[in-house]
Amino acid sequence: MDVSVVIPCYRSRETLPTLVRALTEVLDEATDAHEIVLVVDGSPDDTGAVAVGLAEELDHVRVLLLSRNYGQHNALLAGIRAARFDVTVTMDDDLQHPPDQVPVLIAALADHDLVYGIPETEEHGVFRSLGSRSVKAALAQSGVPNARDVSAFRVFRTPLRDAFAEVHDPSCNIDVLLSWATTSVASQKVRMERRPAGRSSYSVGRLVRHAFDMITGYSDGPLRLVTYLGFTCAILGVVLLGVVIVGFVGGKTTVAGFTTLASMVALFSGAQMLSIGILGEYLGRLHFRSMGRPSYVVAHEIDHAHDEHDRD
């Protein structure tokens, strides 16, 4: 196969050279042709300079320098759109995804359009795993098949990107976009390693926020929740109205009903505020999407091999 490997890079100056050189050895043996696309996502350290140095050293390495930090999935979107070969692999830049596991994923693609690499053993702590599960639950709510097996280590047939060629969403999610193109999805157990340097930028809070973004960005679940909430409150209101009428007919109604009245006001005002908040989230997303804000901007592209080919 001809394979493009897309790697979003952020604060990875220590791990990137080791990753690229190990990946090169694996791809030389496992593929007919290959390229490594390093997407530097506005990293504040000298990751960009390290990536450019690797591109100057190795002809099959290309670098996309984004104008600022757009986030992992936006950086992936930039790299996927720049990929030149029939099969695309995405992986992290921190050596948690071993290069020698790439051929394992590629082999599993034979009967599918998309394959996720899942760890043989869980590597994260309890709270980190809880945050990860919340993201996968949000993906399932957004219609992603096999959402529980989703991971950043994935391989898919590059033409799937045609399904989201017109997407320009500043809060995109690659797994949701891929689900628009295929339901032929599988998982493959692979070996995962511990991060040798630094720490993940995905805290539990950020994972939960990411899950909320996906639910409100790609699912009508919260809107349905508002409908159910309104229906429940309406039924409760009818029941309370019946109680009040029965009390009035029976002569039990007194001025001391302030507690019931205050409870009703609190209940329904809370439901209204929750509903307005969820509707406001959707309206806000529609507003930002209507602004035409880009998913990413490539400030520079370094591709020495292609430049040499053009000159020839």
Protein backbone atom coordinates (compact mmCIF):
# COMPACT_ATOMS: atom_id res chain seq x y z
CA MET A 1 0.00 0.00 0.00
CA ASP A 2 0.90 3.67 -0.39
CA VAL A 3 0.47 5.28 3.03
CA SER A 4 0.30 8.82 4.41
CA VAL A 5 0.93 9.15 8.15
CA VAL A 6 -0.49 12.33 9.69
CA ILE A 7 0.87 13.44 13.06
CA PRO A 8 -0.39 16.57 14.87
CA CYS A 9 2.56 18.05 16.76
CA TYR A 10 2.43 20.15 19.92
CA ARG A 11 5.26 20.46 22.46
CA SER A 12 6.93 17.36 21.04
CA ARG A 13 10.47 18.49 20.29
CA GLU A 14 11.87 15.73 22.51
CA THR A 15 9.89 12.84 21.03
CA LEU A 16 9.50 13.86 17.39
CA PRO A 17 12.97 12.85 16.04
CA THR A 18 12.76 9.40 17.63
CA LEU A 19 9.22 8.90 16.37
CA VAL A 20 9.91 9.97 12.78
CA ARG A 21 13.09 7.89 12.42
CA ALA A 22 11.48 4.77 13.90
CA LEU A 23 8.41 5.28 11.75
CA THR A 24 10.58 5.67 8.66
CA GLU A 25 12.23 2.28 9.24
CA VAL A 26 8.84 0.60 9.64
CA LEU A 27 7.28 2.25 6.59
CA ASP A 28 10.28 1.44 4.39
CA GLU A 29 9.62 -2.25 4.97
CA ALA A 30 5.80 -2.26 5.14
CA THR A 31 4.75 0.03 2.28
CA ASP A 32 5.41 0.60 -1.41
CA ALA A 33 5.48 4.39 -0.95
CA HIS A 34 4.88 6.59 2.05
CA GLU A 35 4.98 10.07 3.47
CA ILE A 36 4.93 11.52 6.98
CA VAL A 37 2.92 14.72 7.35
CA LEU A 38 3.86 16.66 10.50
CA VAL A 39 1.24 19.28 11.35
CA VAL A 40 2.74 21.71 13.87
CA ASP A 41 -0.26 23.14 15.71
CA GLY A 42 1.11 26.50 16.81
CA SER A 43 3.42 24.90 19.36
CA PRO A 44 5.03 27.52 21.67
CA ASP A 45 8.37 25.69 21.84
CA ASP A 46 10.74 24.86 18.97
CA THR A 47 8.75 21.83 17.76
CA GLY A 48 8.32 23.64 14.44
CA ALA A 49 12.07 24.01 13.98
CA VAL A 50 12.62 20.33 14.84
CA ALA A 51 9.96 19.30 12.31
CA VAL A 52 11.47 21.48 9.59
CA GLY A 53 14.89 19.97 10.31
CA LEU A 54 13.45 16.48 9.86
CA ALA A 55 11.88 17.53 6.55
CA GLU A 56 15.26 18.80 5.33
CA GLU A 57 16.91 15.54 6.37
CA LEU A 58 14.26 13.10 5.07
CA ASP A 59 12.64 13.50 1.65
CA HIS A 60 9.39 11.77 2.62
CA VAL A 61 8.68 14.13 5.51
CA ARG A 62 6.38 17.09 4.93
CA VAL A 63 5.59 19.84 7.42
CA LEU A 64 2.50 22.03 7.78
CA LEU A 65 3.04 24.96 10.14
CA LEU A 66 -0.34 26.26 11.31
CA SER A 67 -0.58 29.98 12.03
CA ARG A 68 -1.66 29.36 15.64
CA ASN A 69 -2.94 26.60 17.91
CA TYR A 70 -6.24 25.27 16.53
CA GLY A 71 -6.53 22.02 18.46
CA GLN A 72 -5.72 18.40 17.72
CA HIS A 73 -8.69 17.58 15.50
CA ASN A 74 -8.31 20.72 13.41
CA ALA A 75 -4.63 19.92 12.92
CA LEU A 76 -5.61 16.38 11.89
CA LEU A 77 -8.10 17.81 9.40
CA ALA A 78 -5.34 19.91 7.82
CA GLY A 79 -3.04 16.88 7.52
CA ILE A 80 -5.75 14.57 6.19
CA ARG A 81 -6.63 17.04 3.47
CA ALA A 82 -2.95 17.31 2.54
CA ALA A 83 -2.40 13.52 2.37
CA ARG A 84 -1.38 12.25 -1.10
CA PHE A 85 -1.71 8.48 -0.77
CA ASP A 86 -4.61 6.01 -0.75
CA VAL A 87 -4.38 5.07 2.92
CA THR A 88 -4.07 7.52 5.83
CA VAL A 89 -2.79 6.70 9.32
CA THR A 90 -3.15 9.14 12.21
CA MET A 91 -1.15 8.85 15.41
CA ASP A 92 0.04 10.93 18.36
CA ASP A 93 3.44 12.60 18.61
CA ASP A 94 4.33 11.38 22.11
CA LEU A 95 5.49 7.80 21.31
CA GLN A 96 2.46 6.27 23.02
CA HIS A 97 1.55 4.82 19.62
CA PRO A 98 4.50 2.56 18.70
CA PRO A 99 5.54 2.82 15.02
CA ASP A 100 5.88 -0.97 14.75
CA GLN A 101 2.13 -1.26 15.35
CA VAL A 102 1.28 0.70 12.18
CA PRO A 103 1.55 -2.40 9.92
CA VAL A 104 -0.81 -4.23 12.31
CA LEU A 105 -3.43 -1.54 11.77
CA ILE A 106 -2.88 -1.44 8.01
CA ALA A 107 -3.33 -5.23 7.76
CA ALA A 108 -6.67 -4.95 9.58
CA LEU A 109 -7.89 -2.47 6.95
CA ALA A 110 -8.20 -5.21 4.31
CA ASP A 111 -11.92 -5.78 4.90
CA HIS A 112 -12.90 -2.38 6.27
CA ASP A 113 -12.78 1.34 5.52
CA LEU A 114 -11.71 2.48 8.98
CA VAL A 115 -9.83 0.70 11.78
CA TYR A 116 -9.08 2.01 15.27
CA GLY A 117 -6.15 0.80 17.32
CA ILE A 118 -7.27 0.03 20.87
CA PRO A 119 -4.84 -0.72 23.73
CA GLU A 120 -4.34 -4.25 24.91
CA THR A 121 -4.37 -2.91 28.48
CA GLU A 122 -5.76 0.34 29.92
CA GLU A 123 -2.95 2.84 30.46
CA HIS A 124 -4.79 5.79 32.05
CA GLY A 125 -5.79 6.44 35.64
CA VAL A 126 -9.35 6.25 36.97
CA PHE A 127 -10.29 9.91 36.45
CA ARG A 128 -8.59 10.16 33.06
CA SER A 129 -10.40 7.02 31.93
CA LEU A 130 -13.69 8.49 33.19
CA GLY A 131 -13.11 11.59 31.06
CA SER A 132 -12.26 9.42 28.06
CA ARG A 133 -15.45 7.42 28.52
CA SER A 134 -17.49 10.63 28.60
CA VAL A 135 -16.04 11.57 25.21
CA LYS A 136 -16.88 8.15 23.79
CA ALA A 137 -20.41 8.39 25.17
CA ALA A 138 -20.74 11.75 23.41
CA LEU A 139 -19.47 10.18 20.18
CA ALA A 140 -22.08 7.45 20.47
CA GLN A 141 -24.74 10.12 20.97
CA SER A 142 -23.43 11.83 17.82
CA GLY A 143 -23.99 8.68 15.76
CA VAL A 144 -20.42 7.32 15.60
CA PRO A 145 -20.42 3.52 15.12
CA ASN A 146 -18.24 1.54 17.56
CA ALA A 147 -17.75 4.72 19.59
CA ARG A 148 -16.35 2.78 22.55
CA ASP A 149 -13.36 1.74 20.41
CA VAL A 150 -12.48 5.19 19.07
CA SER A 151 -8.87 6.28 19.52
CA ALA A 152 -6.35 8.72 18.04
CA PHE A 153 -4.47 5.76 16.52
CA ARG A 154 -6.51 5.07 13.37
CA VAL A 155 -6.13 4.03 9.73
CA PHE A 156 -8.65 4.66 6.97
CA ARG A 157 -9.02 4.87 3.22
CA THR A 158 -8.15 8.43 2.21
CA PRO A 159 -11.16 8.94 -0.15
CA LEU A 160 -13.37 8.99 2.96
CA ARG A 161 -12.30 12.61 3.37
CA ASP A 162 -14.50 13.55 0.41
CA ALA A 163 -17.50 13.23 2.75
CA PHE A 164 -16.34 16.26 4.74
CA ALA A 165 -14.59 18.26 2.03
CA GLU A 166 -16.88 21.24 2.66
CA VAL A 167 -16.56 21.25 6.45
CA HIS A 168 -15.11 24.47 7.88
CA ASP A 169 -16.02 24.06 11.53
CA PRO A 170 -13.65 25.50 14.17
CA SER A 171 -14.85 22.78 16.57
CA CYS A 172 -14.66 19.75 14.29
CA ASN A 173 -14.20 16.16 15.38
CA ILE A 174 -12.48 13.74 13.00
CA ASP A 175 -14.29 10.66 14.28
CA VAL A 176 -17.70 12.22 13.73
CA LEU A 177 -16.66 13.37 10.25
CA LEU A 178 -15.43 9.89 9.34
CA SER A 179 -18.73 8.41 10.53
CA TRP A 180 -20.44 10.46 7.81
CA ALA A 181 -18.51 8.49 5.19
CA THR A 182 -18.67 4.85 6.30
CA THR A 183 -20.11 2.32 8.71
CA SER A 184 -17.47 -0.27 7.81
CA VAL A 185 -15.54 0.25 11.05
CA ALA A 186 -13.44 -2.19 13.04
CA SER A 187 -11.00 -2.19 15.93
CA GLN A 188 -7.63 -3.86 16.32
CA LYS A 189 -5.80 -4.44 19.59
CA VAL A 190 -2.32 -2.94 19.54
CA ARG A 191 0.45 -2.39 22.02
CA MET A 192 0.51 1.04 23.60
CA GLU A 193 3.43 2.62 25.44
CA ARG A 194 3.59 5.11 28.28
CA ARG A 195 4.47 8.68 27.39
CA PRO A 196 8.26 9.00 27.88
CA ALA A 197 8.31 12.79 28.33
CA GLY A 198 5.89 15.58 29.21
CA ARG A 199 2.21 15.14 29.98
CA SER A 200 -1.01 15.09 28.01
CA SER A 201 -2.81 18.41 27.50
CA TYR A 202 -6.15 16.58 27.76
CA SER A 203 -7.14 16.97 31.41
CA VAL A 204 -10.35 15.45 32.76
CA GLY A 205 -12.08 18.84 32.61
CA ARG A 206 -11.01 19.39 29.03
CA LEU A 207 -12.22 15.93 28.02
CA VAL A 208 -15.63 16.60 29.57
CA ARG A 209 -15.80 19.95 27.78
CA HIS A 210 -14.85 18.24 24.54
CA ALA A 211 -17.66 15.74 25.09
CA PHE A 212 -20.13 18.59 25.63
CA ASP A 213 -18.91 20.31 22.46
CA MET A 214 -19.50 17.15 20.43
CA ILE A 215 -22.98 16.59 21.85
CA THR A 216 -24.11 20.15 21.12
CA GLY A 217 -22.16 20.33 17.86
CA TYR A 218 -23.20 17.06 16.21
CA SER A 219 -26.28 15.79 18.04
CA ASP A 220 -29.83 16.95 18.68
CA GLY A 221 -29.89 15.02 21.96
CA PRO A 222 -29.90 18.12 24.20
CA LEU A 223 -32.78 19.60 22.20
CA ARG A 224 -34.70 16.38 22.69
CA LEU A 225 -33.85 16.57 26.38
CA VAL A 226 -35.43 20.03 26.50
CA THR A 227 -38.56 18.60 24.89
CA TYR A 228 -38.73 15.78 27.43
CA LEU A 229 -38.10 18.23 30.26
CA GLY A 230 -40.90 20.51 29.05
CA PHE A 231 -43.26 17.54 28.71
CA THR A 232 -42.42 16.33 32.23
CA CYS A 233 -42.91 19.81 33.69
CA ALA A 234 -46.24 20.15 31.87
CA ILE A 235 -47.48 16.87 33.37
CA LEU A 236 -46.26 17.92 36.80
CA GLY A 237 -48.01 21.27 36.38
CA VAL A 238 -51.30 19.54 35.53
CA VAL A 239 -50.94 17.30 38.60
CA LEU A 240 -50.26 20.29 40.85
CA LEU A 241 -53.18 22.13 39.32
CA GLY A 242 -55.41 19.14 40.12
CA VAL A 243 -54.15 19.13 43.72
CA VAL A 244 -54.91 22.86 44.05
CA ILE A 245 -58.43 22.45 42.60
CA VAL A 246 -59.19 19.49 44.88
CA GLY A 247 -57.95 21.47 47.86
CA PHE A 248 -60.07 24.45 46.88
CA VAL A 249 -63.23 22.34 46.45
CA GLY A 250 -62.61 20.63 49.76
CA GLY A 251 -62.11 23.94 51.54
CA LYS A 252 -58.51 23.17 52.43
CA THR A 253 -56.94 26.04 50.51
CA THR A 254 -55.41 28.67 52.83
CA VAL A 255 -53.02 31.55 52.49
CA ALA A 256 -50.35 29.25 53.87
CA GLY A 257 -49.89 27.85 50.34
CA PHE A 258 -46.88 30.11 49.79
CA THR A 259 -44.51 27.13 50.12
CA THR A 260 -46.24 25.27 47.29
CA LEU A 261 -46.31 28.41 45.15
CA ALA A 262 -42.64 29.14 45.74
CA SER A 263 -41.73 25.53 44.95
CA MET A 264 -43.65 25.67 41.68
CA VAL A 265 -41.98 28.92 40.67
CA ALA A 266 -38.55 27.53 41.46
CA LEU A 267 -39.25 24.30 39.60
CA PHE A 268 -40.52 25.88 36.41
CA SER A 269 -38.06 28.78 36.37
CA GLY A 270 -35.23 26.25 36.71
CA ALA A 271 -36.59 24.23 33.81
CA GLN A 272 -36.92 27.39 31.72
CA MET A 273 -33.37 28.52 32.47
CA LEU A 274 -31.96 25.09 31.59
CA SER A 275 -33.91 25.06 28.34
CA ILE A 276 -32.83 28.58 27.43
CA GLY A 277 -29.21 27.70 28.19
CA ILE A 278 -29.21 24.68 25.88
CA LEU A 279 -30.98 26.60 23.12
CA GLY A 280 -28.46 29.40 23.57
CA GLU A 281 -25.59 26.94 23.11
CA TYR A 282 -27.03 25.85 19.76
CA LEU A 283 -27.67 29.44 18.66
CA GLY A 284 -24.12 30.36 19.62
CA ARG A 285 -22.73 27.54 17.47
CA LEU A 286 -24.88 28.62 14.54
CA HIS A 287 -23.57 32.16 14.98
CA PHE A 288 -19.90 31.11 14.98
CA ARG A 289 -20.38 28.80 11.99
CA SER A 290 -22.10 31.57 10.04
CA MET A 291 -19.05 33.79 10.60
CA GLY A 292 -17.02 31.55 8.27
CA ARG A 293 -14.24 31.11 10.83
CA PRO A 294 -11.68 28.64 9.37
CA SER A 295 -10.90 25.26 10.88
CA TYR A 296 -7.20 26.03 10.42
CA VAL A 297 -4.77 28.23 8.48
CA VAL A 298 -1.52 26.82 7.08
CA ALA A 299 1.12 29.52 7.46
CA HIS A 300 3.92 27.56 5.73
CA GLU A 301 4.31 24.17 4.06
CA ILE A 302 7.72 22.50 3.84
CA ASP A 303 7.95 19.75 1.25
CA HIS A 304 11.49 19.51 -0.12
CA ALA A 305 10.89 16.29 -2.06
CA HIS A 306 7.98 17.80 -3.96
CA ASP A 307 9.96 21.00 -4.62
CA GLU A 308 12.80 18.97 -6.09
CA HIS A 309 10.34 17.07 -8.29
CA ASP A 310 8.86 20.34 -9.58
CA ARG A 311 12.30 21.68 -10.50
CA ASP A 312 13.13 18.49 -12.40
